[in-house]
Amino acid sequence: MTNSGLVLEYKHEKFLLTATTGHQFLNDCMRMDQDYTSDAIFTLTQKQRQQSVSQEVAIKSVQAKNYQWSFGTFGFYQDLKTNAPVTFRPDGVSSILQALFDRIHQNNPAAPIITIQDQELPIPGVFKTPNAGIALFHQSTYNNLFVKGLSVTAGLRLDSEKNWLDYNTSMI
């Protein structure tokens, strides 16, 4: 995983303008025995590749006055692709899948007899899950309210986020 960022600032006598950009890259591979037993039931090899970028632009007051304020916007986009095939291993094929087909035929003799010939049965799974969002925000602070040292702060943030899912799998 790599993360990088860039912050740009413009200082004025009355305000501070900042622009913050971020980027993240992930390339990951995880292999695991999903049944967590000594039997060869099923395994997973999950490969993930993610790219994301974010941007925030904010402006805030910097004068030493009782009223302080800040405004800004934030947006991001994340692209994530996960390739996660599950493989039924020999014990899983015989004790789960073949046993299920055998029970179906036993309970309904008219059902076809299904016999799995392969020792392993891979089931592919590709997930594409992009995500994007945008936000607007504001914060106001009034210092020395009624007495010195007493402040009140109020803020508002509006967010919108969208997620997608595209899942592809098959079984031969």
N, C-alpha and C. Protein backbone atom coordinates (compact mmCIF):
# COMPACT_ATOMS: atom_id res chain seq x y z
N MET A 1 0.85 -1.17 0.00
CA MET A 1 0.00 0.00 0.00
C MET A 1 0.89 1.23 0.00
N THR A 2 0.52 2.19 -0.81
CA THR A 2 1.21 3.47 -0.78
C THR A 2 0.18 4.58 -0.58
N ASN A 3 0.56 5.58 0.17
CA ASN A 3 -0.27 6.76 0.41
C ASN A 3 0.57 7.98 0.08
N SER A 4 -0.03 8.96 -0.54
CA SER A 4 0.67 10.21 -0.80
C SER A 4 -0.32 11.36 -0.67
N GLY A 5 0.22 12.51 -0.37
CA GLY A 5 -0.62 13.69 -0.21
C GLY A 5 0.12 14.96 -0.56
N LEU A 6 -0.63 15.97 -0.89
CA LEU A 6 -0.08 17.28 -1.22
C LEU A 6 -0.98 18.33 -0.59
N VAL A 7 -0.40 19.26 0.13
CA VAL A 7 -1.15 20.35 0.75
C VAL A 7 -0.59 21.66 0.22
N LEU A 8 -1.49 22.49 -0.31
CA LEU A 8 -1.13 23.83 -0.77
C LEU A 8 -1.88 24.83 0.08
N GLU A 9 -1.19 25.90 0.49
CA GLU A 9 -1.81 26.93 1.32
C GLU A 9 -1.57 28.31 0.72
N TYR A 10 -2.59 29.14 0.85
CA TYR A 10 -2.47 30.54 0.50
C TYR A 10 -2.89 31.34 1.74
N LYS A 11 -1.94 32.14 2.29
CA LYS A 11 -2.23 32.91 3.49
C LYS A 11 -2.48 34.37 3.11
N HIS A 12 -3.61 34.86 3.57
CA HIS A 12 -4.00 36.25 3.40
C HIS A 12 -4.15 36.82 4.80
N GLU A 13 -4.16 38.11 4.94
CA GLU A 13 -4.29 38.70 6.28
C GLU A 13 -5.63 38.40 6.93
N LYS A 14 -6.67 38.08 6.13
CA LYS A 14 -7.99 37.82 6.68
C LYS A 14 -8.40 36.35 6.65
N PHE A 15 -7.76 35.52 5.82
CA PHE A 15 -8.18 34.12 5.70
C PHE A 15 -7.00 33.24 5.29
N LEU A 16 -7.23 31.93 5.43
CA LEU A 16 -6.28 30.92 5.01
C LEU A 16 -7.02 29.98 4.06
N LEU A 17 -6.50 29.81 2.85
CA LEU A 17 -7.08 28.92 1.86
C LEU A 17 -6.16 27.70 1.74
N THR A 18 -6.72 26.50 1.90
CA THR A 18 -5.92 25.29 1.78
C THR A 18 -6.56 24.34 0.77
N ALA A 19 -5.72 23.64 0.04
CA ALA A 19 -6.15 22.59 -0.88
C ALA A 19 -5.33 21.35 -0.54
N THR A 20 -6.02 20.27 -0.22
CA THR A 20 -5.36 19.03 0.19
C THR A 20 -5.77 17.91 -0.77
N THR A 21 -4.79 17.29 -1.39
CA THR A 21 -5.03 16.20 -2.32
C THR A 21 -4.39 14.93 -1.77
N GLY A 22 -5.12 13.83 -1.84
CA GLY A 22 -4.58 12.56 -1.37
C GLY A 22 -4.74 11.47 -2.42
N HIS A 23 -3.83 10.52 -2.41
CA HIS A 23 -3.89 9.38 -3.32
C HIS A 23 -3.48 8.13 -2.54
N GLN A 24 -4.20 7.04 -2.79
CA GLN A 24 -3.88 5.77 -2.14
C GLN A 24 -3.90 4.66 -3.19
N PHE A 25 -2.92 3.78 -3.10
CA PHE A 25 -2.85 2.62 -3.99
C PHE A 25 -2.64 1.38 -3.14
N LEU A 26 -3.43 0.34 -3.42
CA LEU A 26 -3.33 -0.93 -2.70
C LEU A 26 -3.27 -2.05 -3.72
N ASN A 27 -2.32 -2.95 -3.54
CA ASN A 27 -2.22 -4.16 -4.35
C ASN A 27 -1.96 -5.28 -3.36
N ASP A 28 -2.95 -6.15 -3.16
CA ASP A 28 -2.90 -7.11 -2.06
C ASP A 28 -3.27 -8.51 -2.57
N CYS A 29 -2.66 -9.52 -1.97
CA CYS A 29 -3.00 -10.90 -2.27
C CYS A 29 -3.06 -11.67 -0.94
N MET A 30 -4.20 -12.31 -0.68
CA MET A 30 -4.39 -13.06 0.56
C MET A 30 -4.83 -14.48 0.20
N ARG A 31 -4.10 -15.44 0.72
CA ARG A 31 -4.46 -16.84 0.51
C ARG A 31 -4.86 -17.41 1.87
N MET A 32 -6.00 -18.11 1.89
CA MET A 32 -6.41 -18.67 3.17
C MET A 32 -7.22 -19.95 3.00
N ASP A 33 -7.10 -20.78 4.01
CA ASP A 33 -7.90 -22.00 4.12
C ASP A 33 -9.18 -21.58 4.80
N GLN A 34 -10.27 -21.50 4.06
CA GLN A 34 -11.50 -20.91 4.59
C GLN A 34 -12.24 -21.78 5.58
N ASP A 35 -12.00 -23.05 5.61
CA ASP A 35 -12.75 -23.88 6.56
C ASP A 35 -12.02 -24.00 7.90
N TYR A 36 -10.76 -23.58 7.98
CA TYR A 36 -9.97 -23.56 9.21
C TYR A 36 -9.91 -24.94 9.88
N THR A 37 -9.86 -25.99 9.07
CA THR A 37 -9.70 -27.34 9.60
C THR A 37 -8.53 -28.00 8.88
N SER A 38 -8.15 -29.17 9.33
CA SER A 38 -7.08 -29.90 8.66
C SER A 38 -7.58 -30.60 7.39
N ASP A 39 -8.91 -30.64 7.21
CA ASP A 39 -9.47 -31.24 6.00
C ASP A 39 -9.30 -30.28 4.81
N ALA A 40 -9.25 -30.85 3.62
CA ALA A 40 -9.12 -30.05 2.39
C ALA A 40 -10.52 -29.76 1.85
N ILE A 41 -11.23 -28.79 2.50
CA ILE A 41 -12.62 -28.51 2.14
C ILE A 41 -12.70 -27.39 1.11
N PHE A 42 -12.30 -26.17 1.48
CA PHE A 42 -12.25 -25.12 0.48
C PHE A 42 -11.27 -24.03 0.86
N THR A 43 -10.73 -23.38 -0.17
CA THR A 43 -9.73 -22.33 0.01
C THR A 43 -10.14 -21.10 -0.78
N LEU A 44 -9.47 -20.00 -0.47
CA LEU A 44 -9.72 -18.73 -1.13
C LEU A 44 -8.39 -18.06 -1.44
N THR A 45 -8.26 -17.50 -2.62
CA THR A 45 -7.15 -16.63 -2.96
C THR A 45 -7.78 -15.30 -3.38
N GLN A 46 -7.61 -14.30 -2.53
CA GLN A 46 -8.23 -12.99 -2.79
C GLN A 46 -7.17 -11.98 -3.21
N LYS A 47 -7.35 -11.41 -4.39
CA LYS A 47 -6.45 -10.37 -4.87
C LYS A 47 -7.25 -9.08 -4.98
N GLN A 48 -6.72 -8.02 -4.38
CA GLN A 48 -7.38 -6.72 -4.43
C GLN A 48 -6.46 -5.68 -5.05
N ARG A 49 -7.07 -4.80 -5.82
CA ARG A 49 -6.35 -3.67 -6.39
C ARG A 49 -7.25 -2.45 -6.22
N GLN A 50 -6.73 -1.46 -5.51
CA GLN A 50 -7.52 -0.27 -5.20
C GLN A 50 -6.73 0.99 -5.54
N GLN A 51 -7.43 1.94 -6.13
CA GLN A 51 -6.90 3.28 -6.36
C GLN A 51 -7.93 4.25 -5.81
N SER A 52 -7.48 5.22 -5.06
CA SER A 52 -8.41 6.25 -4.59
C SER A 52 -7.73 7.61 -4.61
N VAL A 53 -8.55 8.61 -4.84
CA VAL A 53 -8.07 9.98 -4.84
C VAL A 53 -9.09 10.84 -4.07
N SER A 54 -8.59 11.81 -3.32
CA SER A 54 -9.47 12.71 -2.58
C SER A 54 -8.96 14.14 -2.72
N GLN A 55 -9.90 15.08 -2.58
CA GLN A 55 -9.57 16.50 -2.69
C GLN A 55 -10.42 17.30 -1.71
N GLU A 56 -9.78 18.14 -0.94
CA GLU A 56 -10.49 19.05 -0.06
C GLU A 56 -9.98 20.46 -0.31
N VAL A 57 -10.91 21.41 -0.38
CA VAL A 57 -10.58 22.83 -0.46
C VAL A 57 -11.33 23.51 0.67
N ALA A 58 -10.59 24.24 1.50
CA ALA A 58 -11.20 24.90 2.66
C ALA A 58 -10.65 26.31 2.80
N ILE A 59 -11.51 27.17 3.33
CA ILE A 59 -11.12 28.54 3.62
C ILE A 59 -11.58 28.85 5.04
N LYS A 60 -10.72 29.50 5.82
CA LYS A 60 -11.10 29.83 7.20
C LYS A 60 -10.53 31.19 7.58
N SER A 61 -11.24 31.83 8.50
CA SER A 61 -10.80 33.14 8.97
C SER A 61 -9.59 32.98 9.87
N VAL A 62 -8.73 33.99 9.85
CA VAL A 62 -7.52 33.93 10.68
C VAL A 62 -7.35 35.20 11.53
N GLN A 63 -8.27 36.15 11.42
CA GLN A 63 -8.14 37.37 12.21
C GLN A 63 -8.52 37.08 13.66
N ALA A 64 -7.89 37.78 14.56
CA ALA A 64 -8.16 37.61 15.99
C ALA A 64 -9.42 38.40 16.36
N LYS A 65 -10.56 37.87 15.98
CA LYS A 65 -11.85 38.48 16.28
C LYS A 65 -12.71 37.48 17.02
N ASN A 66 -13.80 37.94 17.59
CA ASN A 66 -14.69 37.04 18.31
C ASN A 66 -15.38 36.03 17.39
N TYR A 67 -15.68 36.45 16.15
CA TYR A 67 -16.34 35.53 15.21
C TYR A 67 -15.30 34.88 14.31
N GLN A 68 -15.27 33.54 14.30
CA GLN A 68 -14.38 32.75 13.44
C GLN A 68 -15.24 31.85 12.57
N TRP A 69 -14.82 31.58 11.35
CA TRP A 69 -15.61 30.78 10.43
C TRP A 69 -14.70 29.91 9.56
N SER A 70 -15.31 28.88 8.99
CA SER A 70 -14.62 28.07 7.97
C SER A 70 -15.68 27.47 7.05
N PHE A 71 -15.30 27.34 5.78
CA PHE A 71 -16.14 26.74 4.75
C PHE A 71 -15.26 25.79 3.93
N GLY A 72 -15.89 24.80 3.33
CA GLY A 72 -15.10 23.93 2.46
C GLY A 72 -15.92 22.91 1.72
N THR A 73 -15.21 22.22 0.87
CA THR A 73 -15.78 21.11 0.12
C THR A 73 -14.78 19.97 0.08
N PHE A 74 -15.31 18.76 -0.02
CA PHE A 74 -14.47 17.56 -0.04
C PHE A 74 -15.07 16.59 -1.05
N GLY A 75 -14.23 15.92 -1.79
CA GLY A 75 -14.70 14.91 -2.73
C GLY A 75 -13.70 13.77 -2.82
N PHE A 76 -14.20 12.58 -3.17
CA PHE A 76 -13.30 11.44 -3.33
C PHE A 76 -13.87 10.47 -4.35
N TYR A 77 -12.99 9.64 -4.90
CA TYR A 77 -13.38 8.53 -5.76
C TYR A 77 -12.46 7.36 -5.43
N GLN A 78 -13.05 6.20 -5.27
CA GLN A 78 -12.28 4.98 -4.99
C GLN A 78 -12.69 3.90 -5.97
N ASP A 79 -11.72 3.27 -6.59
CA ASP A 79 -11.96 2.16 -7.51
C ASP A 79 -11.35 0.92 -6.87
N LEU A 80 -12.17 -0.09 -6.61
CA LEU A 80 -11.69 -1.32 -5.97
C LEU A 80 -12.14 -2.52 -6.79
N LYS A 81 -11.19 -3.35 -7.17
CA LYS A 81 -11.48 -4.60 -7.87
C LYS A 81 -10.94 -5.74 -7.02
N THR A 82 -11.81 -6.70 -6.73
CA THR A 82 -11.44 -7.85 -5.92
C THR A 82 -11.70 -9.12 -6.71
N ASN A 83 -10.66 -9.91 -6.90
CA ASN A 83 -10.77 -11.21 -7.55
C ASN A 83 -10.66 -12.25 -6.43
N ALA A 84 -11.76 -12.94 -6.13
CA ALA A 84 -11.80 -13.82 -4.96
C ALA A 84 -12.40 -15.19 -5.30
N PRO A 85 -11.68 -16.00 -6.06
CA PRO A 85 -12.22 -17.33 -6.36
C PRO A 85 -12.14 -18.26 -5.15
N VAL A 86 -13.19 -19.02 -4.96
CA VAL A 86 -13.23 -20.05 -3.93
C VAL A 86 -13.05 -21.39 -4.63
N THR A 87 -12.20 -22.23 -4.08
CA THR A 87 -11.98 -23.55 -4.66
C THR A 87 -12.41 -24.62 -3.68
N PHE A 88 -13.40 -25.42 -4.08
CA PHE A 88 -13.77 -26.59 -3.28
C PHE A 88 -12.70 -27.64 -3.50
N ARG A 89 -12.07 -28.07 -2.43
CA ARG A 89 -10.99 -29.07 -2.48
C ARG A 89 -11.61 -30.47 -2.39
N PRO A 90 -10.81 -31.54 -2.50
CA PRO A 90 -11.37 -32.90 -2.55
C PRO A 90 -12.36 -33.24 -1.42
N ASP A 91 -12.02 -32.89 -0.17
CA ASP A 91 -12.94 -33.19 0.94
C ASP A 91 -14.23 -32.40 0.84
N GLY A 92 -14.16 -31.16 0.34
CA GLY A 92 -15.36 -30.35 0.16
C GLY A 92 -16.23 -30.85 -0.96
N VAL A 93 -15.60 -31.29 -2.05
CA VAL A 93 -16.37 -31.84 -3.16
C VAL A 93 -17.15 -33.07 -2.70
N SER A 94 -16.46 -33.98 -1.97
CA SER A 94 -17.13 -35.23 -1.57
C SER A 94 -18.08 -35.03 -0.38
N SER A 95 -17.67 -34.32 0.65
CA SER A 95 -18.49 -34.25 1.87
C SER A 95 -19.59 -33.19 1.82
N ILE A 96 -19.46 -32.20 0.96
CA ILE A 96 -20.49 -31.16 0.89
C ILE A 96 -21.28 -31.27 -0.42
N LEU A 97 -20.60 -31.08 -1.53
CA LEU A 97 -21.32 -31.01 -2.81
C LEU A 97 -21.87 -32.37 -3.25
N GLN A 98 -21.01 -33.39 -3.32
CA GLN A 98 -21.50 -34.70 -3.76
C GLN A 98 -22.53 -35.25 -2.79
N ALA A 99 -22.28 -35.04 -1.49
CA ALA A 99 -23.25 -35.50 -0.49
C ALA A 99 -24.61 -34.82 -0.68
N LEU A 100 -24.62 -33.55 -1.04
CA LEU A 100 -25.87 -32.84 -1.30
C LEU A 100 -26.60 -33.43 -2.51
N PHE A 101 -25.87 -33.66 -3.60
CA PHE A 101 -26.50 -34.25 -4.79
C PHE A 101 -27.04 -35.65 -4.50
N ASP A 102 -26.28 -36.43 -3.70
CA ASP A 102 -26.74 -37.78 -3.33
C ASP A 102 -28.03 -37.72 -2.51
N ARG A 103 -28.12 -36.77 -1.55
CA ARG A 103 -29.33 -36.62 -0.72
C ARG A 103 -30.53 -36.20 -1.56
N ILE A 104 -30.30 -35.32 -2.53
CA ILE A 104 -31.41 -34.90 -3.40
C ILE A 104 -31.98 -36.12 -4.12
N HIS A 105 -31.12 -36.98 -4.65
CA HIS A 105 -31.59 -38.17 -5.38
C HIS A 105 -32.25 -39.17 -4.42
N GLN A 106 -31.70 -39.31 -3.22
CA GLN A 106 -32.30 -40.24 -2.24
C GLN A 106 -33.70 -39.78 -1.85
N ASN A 107 -33.89 -38.48 -1.67
CA ASN A 107 -35.19 -37.94 -1.26
C ASN A 107 -36.18 -37.86 -2.42
N ASN A 108 -35.66 -37.87 -3.63
CA ASN A 108 -36.52 -37.81 -4.82
C ASN A 108 -35.90 -38.70 -5.90
N PRO A 109 -36.25 -39.98 -5.93
CA PRO A 109 -35.64 -40.91 -6.89
C PRO A 109 -35.83 -40.49 -8.35
N ALA A 110 -36.79 -39.60 -8.64
CA ALA A 110 -36.98 -39.14 -10.00
C ALA A 110 -35.93 -38.09 -10.41
N ALA A 111 -35.25 -37.52 -9.41
CA ALA A 111 -34.22 -36.53 -9.70
C ALA A 111 -33.04 -37.22 -10.38
N PRO A 112 -32.34 -36.50 -11.24
CA PRO A 112 -31.21 -37.14 -11.92
C PRO A 112 -30.08 -37.46 -10.94
N ILE A 113 -29.31 -38.45 -11.27
CA ILE A 113 -28.11 -38.78 -10.49
C ILE A 113 -26.98 -37.89 -11.00
N ILE A 114 -26.43 -37.10 -10.10
CA ILE A 114 -25.34 -36.19 -10.46
C ILE A 114 -24.08 -36.67 -9.76
N THR A 115 -23.04 -36.89 -10.53
CA THR A 115 -21.76 -37.31 -9.97
C THR A 115 -20.68 -36.32 -10.40
N ILE A 116 -20.00 -35.76 -9.42
CA ILE A 116 -18.93 -34.80 -9.70
C ILE A 116 -17.67 -35.61 -10.01
N GLN A 117 -17.09 -35.36 -11.17
CA GLN A 117 -15.91 -36.12 -11.63
C GLN A 117 -14.60 -35.49 -11.17
N ASP A 118 -14.59 -34.18 -10.96
CA ASP A 118 -13.34 -33.48 -10.62
C ASP A 118 -13.04 -33.56 -9.13
N GLN A 119 -11.76 -33.57 -8.81
CA GLN A 119 -11.33 -33.56 -7.42
C GLN A 119 -11.43 -32.17 -6.79
N GLU A 120 -11.31 -31.15 -7.61
CA GLU A 120 -11.42 -29.76 -7.15
C GLU A 120 -12.41 -29.03 -8.03
N LEU A 121 -13.10 -28.06 -7.44
CA LEU A 121 -14.10 -27.30 -8.17
C LEU A 121 -13.90 -25.81 -7.89
N PRO A 122 -13.28 -25.09 -8.84
CA PRO A 122 -13.09 -23.65 -8.64
C PRO A 122 -14.36 -22.87 -8.96
N ILE A 123 -14.66 -21.89 -8.13
CA ILE A 123 -15.81 -21.00 -8.36
C ILE A 123 -15.26 -19.57 -8.40
N PRO A 124 -15.18 -18.99 -9.60
CA PRO A 124 -14.62 -17.64 -9.69
C PRO A 124 -15.55 -16.61 -9.07
N GLY A 125 -14.98 -15.50 -8.66
CA GLY A 125 -15.75 -14.39 -8.12
C GLY A 125 -14.98 -13.09 -8.29
N VAL A 126 -15.48 -12.22 -9.14
CA VAL A 126 -14.85 -10.93 -9.37
C VAL A 126 -15.82 -9.84 -8.95
N PHE A 127 -15.38 -9.01 -8.02
CA PHE A 127 -16.19 -7.91 -7.49
C PHE A 127 -15.57 -6.60 -7.93
N LYS A 128 -16.38 -5.72 -8.48
CA LYS A 128 -15.96 -4.34 -8.75
C LYS A 128 -16.85 -3.46 -7.89
N THR A 129 -16.24 -2.70 -6.98
CA THR A 129 -17.01 -1.90 -6.03
C THR A 129 -16.50 -0.46 -5.97
N PRO A 130 -16.75 0.32 -7.01
CA PRO A 130 -16.35 1.73 -6.95
C PRO A 130 -17.22 2.51 -5.95
N ASN A 131 -16.68 3.61 -5.47
CA ASN A 131 -17.31 4.41 -4.43
C ASN A 131 -16.91 5.87 -4.66
N ALA A 132 -17.87 6.79 -4.57
CA ALA A 132 -17.56 8.21 -4.76
C ALA A 132 -18.42 9.04 -3.82
N GLY A 133 -17.90 10.20 -3.46
CA GLY A 133 -18.65 11.06 -2.57
C GLY A 133 -18.22 12.51 -2.66
N ILE A 134 -19.10 13.38 -2.18
CA ILE A 134 -18.82 14.81 -2.12
C ILE A 134 -19.46 15.36 -0.86
N ALA A 135 -18.85 16.40 -0.31
CA ALA A 135 -19.38 17.02 0.91
C ALA A 135 -19.13 18.53 0.87
N LEU A 136 -20.03 19.25 1.52
CA LEU A 136 -19.89 20.69 1.77
C LEU A 136 -19.96 20.88 3.27
N PHE A 137 -19.15 21.79 3.81
CA PHE A 137 -19.19 21.98 5.26
C PHE A 137 -18.97 23.44 5.63
N HIS A 138 -19.46 23.77 6.83
CA HIS A 138 -19.30 25.12 7.40
C HIS A 138 -19.24 24.99 8.92
N GLN A 139 -18.44 25.84 9.52
CA GLN A 139 -18.37 25.91 10.99
C GLN A 139 -18.22 27.38 11.39
N SER A 140 -19.00 27.77 12.39
CA SER A 140 -18.92 29.12 12.95
C SER A 140 -18.66 29.02 14.45
N THR A 141 -17.78 29.86 14.94
CA THR A 141 -17.49 29.94 16.37
C THR A 141 -17.60 31.39 16.80
N TYR A 142 -18.30 31.60 17.90
CA TYR A 142 -18.35 32.94 18.49
C TYR A 142 -17.66 32.85 19.85
N ASN A 143 -16.53 33.58 19.98
CA ASN A 143 -15.73 33.57 21.21
C ASN A 143 -16.16 34.69 22.15
N ASN A 144 -15.88 34.49 23.42
CA ASN A 144 -16.17 35.48 24.47
C ASN A 144 -17.65 35.85 24.50
N LEU A 145 -18.48 34.82 24.45
CA LEU A 145 -19.92 34.99 24.47
C LEU A 145 -20.36 35.28 25.91
N PHE A 146 -20.88 36.43 26.17
CA PHE A 146 -21.35 36.92 27.48
C PHE A 146 -20.21 37.16 28.46
N VAL A 147 -19.25 36.23 28.51
CA VAL A 147 -18.09 36.40 29.41
C VAL A 147 -16.83 35.98 28.65
N LYS A 148 -15.71 36.49 29.09
CA LYS A 148 -14.43 36.16 28.45
C LYS A 148 -14.13 34.66 28.66
N GLY A 149 -13.77 33.99 27.56
CA GLY A 149 -13.43 32.57 27.62
C GLY A 149 -14.57 31.61 27.28
N LEU A 150 -15.81 32.12 27.19
CA LEU A 150 -16.93 31.26 26.83
C LEU A 150 -17.16 31.35 25.32
N SER A 151 -17.19 30.19 24.66
CA SER A 151 -17.38 30.14 23.21
C SER A 151 -18.52 29.20 22.86
N VAL A 152 -19.13 29.46 21.72
CA VAL A 152 -20.14 28.55 21.17
C VAL A 152 -19.75 28.27 19.72
N THR A 153 -19.84 27.00 19.35
CA THR A 153 -19.48 26.57 18.00
C THR A 153 -20.64 25.77 17.42
N ALA A 154 -20.96 26.06 16.15
CA ALA A 154 -21.99 25.31 15.43
C ALA A 154 -21.43 24.96 14.05
N GLY A 155 -21.82 23.79 13.58
CA GLY A 155 -21.32 23.36 12.27
C GLY A 155 -22.38 22.61 11.50
N LEU A 156 -22.17 22.52 10.21
CA LEU A 156 -23.08 21.81 9.33
C LEU A 156 -22.26 21.13 8.26
N ARG A 157 -22.60 19.89 7.97
CA ARG A 157 -21.93 19.14 6.90
C ARG A 157 -22.98 18.40 6.10
N LEU A 158 -22.94 18.56 4.80
CA LEU A 158 -23.83 17.86 3.88
C LEU A 158 -23.00 16.87 3.08
N ASP A 159 -23.38 15.61 3.12
CA ASP A 159 -22.63 14.55 2.44
C ASP A 159 -23.52 13.83 1.44
N SER A 160 -22.92 13.42 0.36
CA SER A 160 -23.57 12.53 -0.60
C SER A 160 -22.54 11.49 -1.01
N GLU A 161 -22.94 10.23 -0.96
CA GLU A 161 -22.01 9.15 -1.30
C GLU A 161 -22.75 8.12 -2.14
N LYS A 162 -22.05 7.55 -3.10
CA LYS A 162 -22.65 6.54 -3.97
C LYS A 162 -21.69 5.35 -4.04
N ASN A 163 -22.27 4.14 -3.91
CA ASN A 163 -21.53 2.89 -4.02
C ASN A 163 -22.14 2.05 -5.13
N TRP A 164 -21.32 1.31 -5.84
CA TRP A 164 -21.77 0.39 -6.88
C TRP A 164 -21.23 -0.99 -6.57
N LEU A 165 -21.89 -2.00 -7.11
CA LEU A 165 -21.39 -3.38 -7.01
C LEU A 165 -21.65 -4.08 -8.32
N ASP A 166 -20.59 -4.61 -8.89
CA ASP A 166 -20.68 -5.45 -10.08
C ASP A 166 -20.00 -6.76 -9.71
N TYR A 167 -20.78 -7.85 -9.67
CA TYR A 167 -20.27 -9.15 -9.23
C TYR A 167 -20.44 -10.16 -10.35
N ASN A 168 -19.35 -10.81 -10.73
CA ASN A 168 -19.38 -11.82 -11.78
C ASN A 168 -18.89 -13.15 -11.23
N THR A 169 -19.64 -14.20 -11.47
CA THR A 169 -19.23 -15.54 -11.07
C THR A 169 -19.87 -16.54 -12.03
N SER A 170 -19.38 -17.75 -11.98
CA SER A 170 -19.95 -18.81 -12.81
C SER A 170 -19.56 -20.16 -12.21
N MET A 171 -20.16 -21.18 -12.72
CA MET A 171 -19.80 -22.52 -12.27
C MET A 171 -19.96 -23.45 -13.46
N ILE A 172 -18.92 -24.22 -13.70
CA ILE A 172 -18.95 -25.14 -14.84
C ILE A 172 -19.31 -26.53 -14.38
